[in-house]
Amino acid sequence: MLSDAELAEAINAELDDIASEAIMRGDSKTPAWQPEIDSHAVLRVCLRIEEEIGVTISEDCVPAGGFPDRAVCLAVMMGEAKKAMAKTKDVDTEARVI
């Protein structure tokens, strides 16, 4: 299991990669009508979390348009990761009891 700091670091690293790729493509400025972190980027963050901690993050946590900024994205994704880890822990505990 990752600590909160390690999990936040993984999420931020993926967001940094996404931002770097946008700059290389020349899309470094987000139009006012778009969220800073769109739903495609959030799905990449979900996949990164899944790779890092081996749990599945529900796509239901991804808002239709994305997140308005990094802080909101980080907070929501941290919460979703913790829920997924707790669920996995509960399943592991139940399996040992049975």
Protein backbone atom coordinates (compact mmCIF):
# COMPACT_ATOMS: atom_id res chain seq x y z
CA MET A 1 0.00 0.00 0.00
CA LEU A 2 1.14 3.50 -0.75
CA SER A 3 1.14 6.24 1.84
CA ASP A 4 -1.00 9.31 1.23
CA ALA A 5 2.12 11.24 0.23
CA GLU A 6 3.19 8.55 -2.28
CA LEU A 7 -0.31 8.37 -3.73
CA ALA A 8 -0.50 12.16 -4.08
CA GLU A 9 2.94 12.10 -5.71
CA ALA A 10 1.78 9.51 -8.27
CA ILE A 11 -1.35 11.51 -9.10
CA ASN A 12 0.62 14.73 -9.41
CA ALA A 13 3.25 13.00 -11.56
CA GLU A 14 0.55 11.87 -13.99
CA LEU A 15 -0.95 15.37 -14.08
CA ASP A 16 2.54 16.78 -14.73
CA ASP A 17 2.99 14.31 -17.61
CA ILE A 18 -0.35 15.35 -19.08
CA ALA A 19 0.57 19.04 -18.79
CA SER A 20 3.99 18.42 -20.39
CA GLU A 21 2.39 16.58 -23.29
CA ALA A 22 -0.08 19.46 -23.78
CA ILE A 23 2.78 21.95 -23.89
CA MET A 24 4.63 19.82 -26.47
CA ARG A 25 1.47 19.74 -28.61
CA GLY A 26 1.12 23.50 -28.23
CA ASP A 27 -2.08 23.36 -26.12
CA SER A 28 -0.53 24.89 -23.03
CA LYS A 29 -3.33 27.39 -22.52
CA THR A 30 -6.73 26.07 -21.53
CA PRO A 31 -9.62 28.01 -23.07
CA ALA A 32 -11.88 29.62 -20.47
CA TRP A 33 -14.77 27.34 -21.39
CA GLN A 34 -12.81 24.12 -20.68
CA PRO A 35 -11.86 22.68 -17.31
CA GLU A 36 -8.19 22.65 -16.47
CA ILE A 37 -8.26 18.86 -16.18
CA ASP A 38 -10.62 17.26 -18.68
CA SER A 39 -12.28 13.87 -18.35
CA HIS A 40 -9.67 12.19 -20.58
CA ALA A 41 -6.92 13.36 -18.24
CA VAL A 42 -8.88 12.11 -15.23
CA LEU A 43 -9.19 8.67 -16.82
CA ARG A 44 -5.40 8.64 -17.21
CA VAL A 45 -5.10 9.47 -13.52
CA CYS A 46 -7.46 6.57 -12.72
CA LEU A 47 -5.25 4.22 -14.72
CA ARG A 48 -2.13 5.52 -12.99
CA ILE A 49 -3.70 4.89 -9.57
CA GLU A 50 -4.70 1.41 -10.68
CA GLU A 51 -1.10 0.71 -11.76
CA GLU A 52 0.38 2.13 -8.57
CA ILE A 53 -1.84 0.42 -6.01
CA GLY A 54 -3.50 -2.42 -7.89
CA VAL A 55 -7.11 -1.38 -7.33
CA THR A 56 -9.84 -0.41 -9.75
CA ILE A 57 -11.15 3.15 -9.65
CA SER A 58 -14.73 3.48 -10.86
CA GLU A 59 -15.21 5.70 -13.90
CA ASP A 60 -18.27 7.06 -12.08
CA CYS A 61 -15.96 9.38 -10.15
CA VAL A 62 -15.01 11.19 -13.37
CA PRO A 63 -17.23 14.25 -13.82
CA ALA A 64 -18.56 14.74 -17.35
CA GLY A 65 -16.38 17.78 -18.05
CA GLY A 66 -13.47 17.04 -15.76
CA PHE A 67 -12.15 19.08 -12.83
CA PRO A 68 -11.74 22.85 -12.65
CA ASP A 69 -8.24 22.58 -11.20
CA ARG A 70 -5.51 20.30 -9.91
CA ALA A 71 -6.43 20.68 -6.23
CA VAL A 72 -10.00 19.46 -6.77
CA CYS A 73 -8.79 16.61 -8.98
CA LEU A 74 -6.20 15.55 -6.42
CA ALA A 75 -8.69 15.64 -3.54
CA VAL A 76 -11.34 13.63 -5.38
CA MET A 77 -8.90 11.08 -6.78
CA MET A 78 -7.23 10.60 -3.38
CA GLY A 79 -10.66 9.96 -1.88
CA GLU A 80 -11.56 7.49 -4.62
CA ALA A 81 -8.25 5.67 -4.23
CA LYS A 82 -8.73 5.38 -0.47
CA LYS A 83 -12.26 4.02 -0.99
CA ALA A 84 -10.95 1.46 -3.46
CA MET A 85 -8.13 0.44 -1.11
CA ALA A 86 -10.55 0.08 1.80
CA LYS A 87 -12.90 -2.01 -0.34
CA THR A 88 -10.00 -4.26 -1.37
CA LYS A 89 -8.91 -4.57 2.25
CA ASP A 90 -12.47 -5.51 3.28
CA VAL A 91 -12.65 -8.16 0.54
CA ASP A 92 -9.27 -9.58 1.62
CA THR A 93 -10.43 -9.70 5.24
CA GLU A 94 -13.70 -11.42 4.29
CA ALA A 95 -11.81 -13.98 2.20
CA ARG A 96 -9.57 -14.86 5.16
CA VAL A 97 -12.56 -15.22 7.49
CA ILE A 98 -14.44 -17.60 5.18
